[in-house]
Protein backbone atom coordinates (compact mmCIF):
# COMPACT_ATOMS: atom_id res chain seq x y z
CA MET A 1 49.74 4.99 6.14
CA THR A 2 51.61 1.81 5.36
CA ARG A 3 50.63 -0.96 3.05
CA LYS A 4 50.00 -3.17 6.09
CA SER A 5 47.58 -0.62 7.58
CA LEU A 6 45.68 -0.36 4.30
CA LEU A 7 45.42 -4.10 4.08
CA THR A 8 44.14 -4.32 7.65
CA LEU A 9 41.57 -1.57 7.03
CA SER A 10 40.37 -3.26 3.87
CA ILE A 11 39.96 -6.59 5.67
CA LEU A 12 38.01 -4.99 8.52
CA SER A 13 35.76 -3.15 6.06
CA GLY A 14 35.08 -6.37 4.19
CA VAL A 15 34.22 -8.17 7.43
CA ALA A 16 31.87 -5.37 8.44
CA LEU A 17 30.12 -5.40 5.08
CA ALA A 18 29.81 -9.17 5.20
CA ALA A 19 28.36 -8.99 8.71
CA ALA A 20 25.83 -6.34 7.66
CA ALA A 21 24.85 -8.36 4.60
CA GLY A 22 24.46 -11.46 6.73
CA PHE A 23 22.28 -9.57 9.20
CA VAL A 24 20.00 -8.27 6.44
CA TRP A 25 19.80 -11.64 4.70
CA SER A 26 19.01 -13.51 7.92
CA GLY A 27 15.68 -11.70 8.31
CA VAL A 28 16.22 -11.54 12.06
CA TYR A 29 15.20 -7.86 12.19
CA ASN A 30 11.42 -7.49 12.55
CA ILE A 31 10.25 -4.99 9.93
CA GLY A 32 6.60 -5.11 11.07
CA ALA A 33 4.93 -1.75 11.75
CA ASP A 34 3.59 -3.11 15.05
CA ASP A 35 7.11 -3.60 16.39
CA THR A 36 9.11 -0.44 17.11
CA HIS A 37 12.65 0.16 15.90
CA THR A 38 15.47 -0.25 18.33
CA ARG A 39 16.54 3.04 19.87
CA PRO A 40 19.73 3.41 17.77
CA VAL A 41 17.89 2.62 14.53
CA TYR A 42 15.00 4.99 15.33
CA SER A 43 17.37 7.81 16.30
CA ALA A 44 19.36 7.38 13.11
CA LEU A 45 16.26 7.38 10.91
CA GLN A 46 14.78 10.38 12.71
CA ALA A 47 17.98 12.40 12.29
CA LEU A 48 18.18 11.42 8.63
CA ARG A 49 14.57 12.50 8.04
CA GLU A 50 14.77 15.80 9.88
CA ARG A 51 18.01 16.93 8.30
CA SER A 52 16.90 15.93 4.81
CA ILE A 53 13.70 17.99 5.10
CA GLU A 54 15.37 20.98 6.79
CA VAL A 55 18.13 21.36 4.22
CA ARG A 56 15.68 21.31 1.31
CA ALA A 57 13.01 23.48 2.95
CA ASP A 58 15.55 26.23 3.62
CA LYS A 59 16.02 26.65 -0.12
CA LEU A 60 12.32 27.38 -0.81
CA GLN A 61 10.99 30.80 -1.75
CA ARG A 62 8.05 31.26 0.61
CA PRO A 63 5.04 33.40 -0.37
CA ALA A 64 4.74 36.58 1.68
CA ASP A 65 0.97 36.23 2.19
CA LEU A 66 0.72 32.90 4.02
CA SER A 67 -1.44 34.60 6.67
CA ASP A 68 -4.03 35.55 4.03
CA PRO A 69 -7.46 34.28 5.24
CA ALA A 70 -8.33 33.26 1.68
CA ARG A 71 -5.29 30.97 1.54
CA ILE A 72 -6.10 29.46 4.93
CA ARG A 73 -9.76 28.94 4.01
CA GLN A 74 -8.95 27.20 0.71
CA GLY A 75 -6.33 25.00 2.34
CA ALA A 76 -8.86 23.86 4.95
CA GLY A 77 -10.97 22.03 2.36
CA ASN A 78 -8.04 20.07 0.97
CA TYR A 79 -6.70 19.23 4.42
CA ASN A 80 -10.10 17.93 5.51
CA ALA A 81 -10.43 15.76 2.39
CA MET A 82 -6.86 14.48 2.13
CA CYS A 83 -5.15 14.54 5.53
CA THR A 84 -7.50 13.93 8.43
CA GLY A 85 -7.36 10.15 8.01
CA CYS A 86 -3.77 10.23 9.33
CA HIS A 87 -3.19 13.66 10.90
CA LEU A 88 -6.68 14.15 12.40
CA GLY A 89 -8.45 17.43 13.10
CA PRO A 90 -9.77 19.32 16.11
CA GLY A 91 -11.91 17.05 18.27
CA MET A 92 -11.28 13.97 16.09
CA GLN A 93 -10.55 10.57 17.56
CA GLU A 94 -7.77 8.35 16.24
CA THR A 95 -8.53 6.55 12.99
CA GLU A 96 -7.52 3.11 11.80
CA LEU A 97 -4.74 4.69 9.72
CA SER A 98 -3.39 6.92 12.46
CA LYS A 99 -3.30 3.95 14.84
CA GLY A 100 -1.67 1.56 12.39
CA LEU A 101 1.08 3.67 10.86
CA TYR A 102 4.64 3.60 12.20
CA PRO A 103 6.25 5.98 12.79
CA ALA A 104 2.98 7.45 14.06
CA PRO A 105 1.89 10.48 12.00
CA PRO A 106 1.78 13.69 14.07
CA ASN A 107 -1.59 15.08 15.14
CA LEU A 108 -1.39 18.36 13.27
CA SER A 109 -4.34 19.80 15.16
CA LYS A 110 -2.05 19.92 18.19
CA GLU A 111 1.37 20.58 16.61
CA THR A 112 2.54 23.59 14.64
CA VAL A 113 4.72 22.71 11.63
CA ASP A 114 7.01 25.21 9.92
CA ALA A 115 5.36 26.31 6.66
CA GLY A 116 8.41 25.58 4.50
CA LYS A 117 8.86 22.10 5.94
CA ALA A 118 5.13 21.44 5.61
CA PHE A 119 5.24 22.49 1.94
CA TRP A 120 8.22 20.26 1.16
CA VAL A 121 6.77 17.20 2.92
CA ILE A 122 3.32 17.62 1.33
CA LYS A 123 4.85 17.98 -2.11
CA HIS A 124 7.53 15.27 -1.97
CA GLY A 125 6.34 12.86 0.70
CA ILE A 126 8.60 10.72 2.90
CA LYS A 127 9.95 7.33 1.90
CA ALA A 128 8.68 4.24 3.76
CA SER A 129 6.49 6.27 6.10
CA GLY A 130 3.02 6.28 4.51
CA MET A 131 3.31 9.97 3.62
CA PRO A 132 2.54 10.32 -0.14
CA ALA A 133 4.01 12.89 -2.52
CA TRP A 134 0.98 15.09 -3.24
CA GLY A 135 3.02 17.21 -5.64
CA LYS A 136 2.36 14.59 -8.32
CA SER A 137 -1.25 15.73 -8.45
CA MET A 138 -1.38 19.15 -6.73
CA ASP A 139 -0.18 22.53 -7.95
CA ASP A 140 2.32 24.40 -5.74
CA GLU A 141 -0.13 27.24 -5.06
CA TYR A 142 -2.58 24.83 -3.44
CA ILE A 143 0.21 23.19 -1.43
CA TRP A 144 1.17 26.58 -0.04
CA ASN A 145 -2.49 27.12 0.90
CA MET A 146 -2.38 23.89 2.91
CA ALA A 147 0.88 24.96 4.56
CA ALA A 148 -0.78 28.28 5.47
CA PHE A 149 -3.76 26.45 6.94
CA LEU A 150 -1.48 24.27 9.09
CA GLN A 151 -0.21 27.42 10.82
CA ALA A 152 -3.75 28.20 11.99
CA LEU A 153 -5.00 24.65 12.60
CA PRO A 154 -3.75 24.14 16.21
CA LYS A 155 -5.60 27.29 17.27
CA LEU A 156 -9.01 26.19 15.97
CA THR A 157 -11.84 24.74 18.03
CA PRO A 158 -13.84 21.88 16.48
CA GLU A 159 -16.66 24.32 15.66
CA GLN A 160 -14.31 26.85 14.06
CA TYR A 161 -12.65 24.07 12.08
CA GLN A 162 -15.96 22.76 10.71
CA ALA A 163 -17.13 26.28 9.79
CA LEU A 164 -13.85 26.95 7.98
CA VAL A 165 -14.07 23.70 6.04
CA ALA A 166 -17.69 24.37 5.11
CA SER A 167 -16.73 27.77 3.63
CA SER A 168 -13.62 26.48 1.83
CA GLY A 169 -15.09 25.23 -1.42
CA GLY A 170 -14.08 21.68 -0.59
CA HIS A 171 -11.48 19.46 -2.25
CA SER A 172 -9.98 21.38 -5.15
CA HIS A 173 -6.28 21.50 -6.00
CA GLY A 174 -5.93 22.07 -9.72
CA GLY A 175 -4.49 18.77 -10.83
CA GLY A 176 -5.20 15.37 -9.33
CA GLU A 177 -8.85 15.50 -8.34
CA SER A 178 -11.44 14.14 -10.77
CA GLU A 179 -12.45 16.94 -13.16
CA GLY A 180 -11.82 19.60 -10.52
CA HIS A 181 -14.68 18.41 -8.30
CA SER A 182 -15.35 19.82 -4.86
CA HIS A 183 -16.09 17.85 -1.70
CA ALA A 184 -18.42 19.35 0.83
CA GLU A 185 -17.82 19.31 4.58
CA GLY A 186 -16.50 15.96 5.74
CA GLY A 187 -14.79 15.20 2.42
CA GLU A 188 -17.99 14.10 0.68
CA GLU A 189 -18.86 15.41 -2.72
CA PRO A 190 -22.44 16.23 -3.71
CA HIS A 191 -24.25 13.71 -5.84
CA HIS A 192 -27.15 14.24 -8.19
CA ASP A 193 -30.30 12.29 -7.60
CA GLU A 194 -29.88 9.22 -9.75
CA GLY A 195 -33.58 8.95 -10.49
CA GLU A 196 -33.77 12.56 -11.59
CA ALA A 197 -30.71 12.23 -13.83
CA HIS A 198 -32.09 9.04 -15.33
CA GLU A 199 -35.43 10.67 -16.00
CA HIS A 200 -33.92 13.66 -17.78
CA ALA A 201 -31.53 11.57 -19.86
CA GLU A 202 -34.13 9.03 -20.89
CA GLY A 203 -36.78 11.69 -21.43
CA GLU A 204 -34.53 13.56 -23.83
CA GLU A 205 -33.78 10.37 -25.67
CA HIS A 206 -37.48 9.58 -26.08
CA ASP A 207 -38.12 13.08 -27.42
CA ALA A 208 -35.34 12.69 -29.96
CA MET A 209 -36.74 9.34 -31.08
CA ALA A 210 -40.37 10.46 -31.30
CA GLY A 211 -42.28 8.72 -34.04
CA MET A 212 -39.87 5.80 -34.25
CA PRO A 213 -40.62 2.25 -33.08
CA MET A 214 -39.37 1.82 -29.56
CA ASP A 215 -38.67 -1.25 -27.48
CA GLU A 216 -40.99 -0.81 -24.49
CA SER A 217 -39.02 -3.32 -22.45
CA LYS A 218 -36.20 -0.79 -21.90
CA PRO A 219 -36.38 1.56 -18.87
CA HIS A 220 -37.88 4.92 -19.72
CA ALA A 221 -39.16 8.02 -17.96
CA HIS A 222 -42.83 8.68 -17.20
CA PRO A 223 -44.49 12.03 -16.56
CA PRO A 224 -45.60 12.85 -13.01
CA GLY A 225 -48.92 11.29 -12.04
CA THR A 226 -48.51 8.16 -14.15
CA PRO A 227 -50.24 5.28 -12.28
CA PRO A 228 -48.05 2.34 -11.29
CA HIS A 229 -47.58 -0.20 -14.03
CA THR A 230 -45.12 -2.73 -15.36
CA ASP A 231 -42.81 -1.65 -18.18
CA ALA A 232 -42.71 -4.81 -20.23
CA ILE A 233 -43.58 -5.82 -23.75
CA LYS A 234 -47.31 -6.41 -23.72
CA SER A 235 -49.05 -7.87 -26.70
CA THR A 236 -52.40 -6.25 -27.47
CA GLN A 237 -53.48 -9.29 -29.44
CA ALA A 238 -54.37 -12.51 -27.66
CA PRO A 239 -53.45 -15.83 -29.29
CA SER A 240 -57.11 -16.46 -30.04
CA GLY A 241 -57.52 -13.13 -31.80
CA GLY A 242 -58.87 -11.32 -28.74
CA GLU A 243 -57.56 -8.16 -27.14
CA VAL A 244 -55.39 -8.09 -24.02
CA HIS A 245 -56.40 -5.46 -21.45
CA VAL A 246 -53.82 -4.39 -18.81
CA HIS A 247 -54.95 -2.88 -15.50
CA ALA A 248 -52.93 -0.33 -13.52
CA ASP A 249 -51.98 -2.99 -10.99
CA GLY A 250 -50.31 -5.06 -13.72
CA LYS A 251 -53.02 -7.72 -13.99
CA THR A 252 -54.31 -8.64 -17.42
CA HIS A 253 -57.32 -10.32 -18.93
CA ILE A 254 -58.36 -11.14 -22.48
CA HIS A 255 -61.41 -9.92 -24.38
CA ASP A 256 -62.35 -12.42 -27.13
CA ALA A 257 -62.68 -10.96 -30.59
CA THR A 258 -66.18 -12.51 -30.97
CA PRO A 259 -68.29 -13.95 -28.22
CA ALA A 260 -68.48 -17.71 -28.19
CA ALA A 261 -71.57 -19.02 -30.00
CA LYS A 262 -74.19 -20.46 -27.74
CA PRO A 263 -75.26 -24.00 -28.53
CA ALA A 264 -78.29 -23.96 -30.84
CA PRO A 265 -81.49 -25.32 -29.34
CA ALA A 266 -82.51 -28.77 -30.52
CA THR A 267 -85.20 -28.39 -33.20
CA THR A 268 -85.16 -31.83 -34.78
CA LYS A 269 -85.95 -35.20 -33.39
CA PRO A 270 -83.19 -37.66 -33.07
CA ALA A 271 -83.00 -40.18 -35.89
CA THR A 272 -84.65 -43.57 -35.28
CA ALA A 273 -82.19 -46.37 -34.92
CA ASP A 274 -82.11 -48.96 -37.73
CA PRO A 275 -83.43 -52.25 -36.28
CA HIS A 276 -81.45 -54.25 -38.83
CA ALA A 277 -78.12 -52.67 -37.97
CA GLY A 278 -75.46 -55.31 -37.29
CA MET A 279 -77.45 -58.22 -38.84
CA ASP A 280 -76.29 -60.31 -41.84
CA MET A 281 -78.67 -59.83 -44.69
CA PRO A 282 -78.83 -62.04 -47.88
CA ALA A 283 -77.72 -60.29 -50.98
CA THR A 284 -80.54 -59.82 -53.51
CA ALA A 285 -79.99 -59.60 -57.19
CA PRO A 286 -81.25 -56.51 -58.84
CA ALA A 287 -84.47 -56.91 -60.76
CA SER A 288 -84.04 -57.49 -64.47
CA ASP A 289 -85.17 -54.65 -66.65
CA GLY A 290 -84.85 -56.59 -69.84
CA HIS A 291 -81.48 -55.18 -70.85
CA ASP A 292 -77.98 -56.54 -70.69
CA HIS A 293 -75.73 -54.46 -68.44
CA GLN A 294 -71.97 -54.75 -68.37
CA HIS A 295 -70.06 -53.74 -65.31
């Protein structure tokens, strides 16, 4: 290859790179998920995805017991809790996620996926596709259980699927779930009755604080059969010194400490009015008693 050929190749490469950069920078390509790729772009991405997964899945050491019913049953609970929003299940209609993602996620209740490829995709995810890498929160053993379940999934009727999920123990994968909780059928986890939990917790607290002054305004438990009443600070002493009585319906009234005194009956005659009241009277000197008085 001559120097002239190298120079020409370099120039053409630079022009191609500049054109590609200009195309990307222009924003002319619609990246929206509601607009499909052009056929060449989609074909290239599909080939890239399939070959990347296949090469890596071939290197995996697969468990020999993937047909074990216990594996399949345990994987059913995790699939139901984690995957049906995109990949659906027997008898399920499309969801908002499955409709909105592009490329569209496969309906795994109708397609059989190779166990090794399923394991690799579940563990590592796929870039820019909506498929997460569950290996960040799930142990390999549980991922293999899901891969085993996917081999049986397309053969299940809706009734068989629901029965399998119900017997699976729910959502449990030894890593990412909250404190190893289990979801029941449908991906829901059981909840304790809030009122019952509150009653036990508060009841224990009251027992521990027996004999100590308590603030009655705080919520507290009551034994069964307690009539309805209002838990509020109620003074048992009225402002006037009387006692406050509270009924079961929450109404109150006050008993006075001492009954009000009745007005005493009139036993004396009213005083006679002075007829000289309001009149100017001449001052009179006191009578002399024969002595000199100094004031």
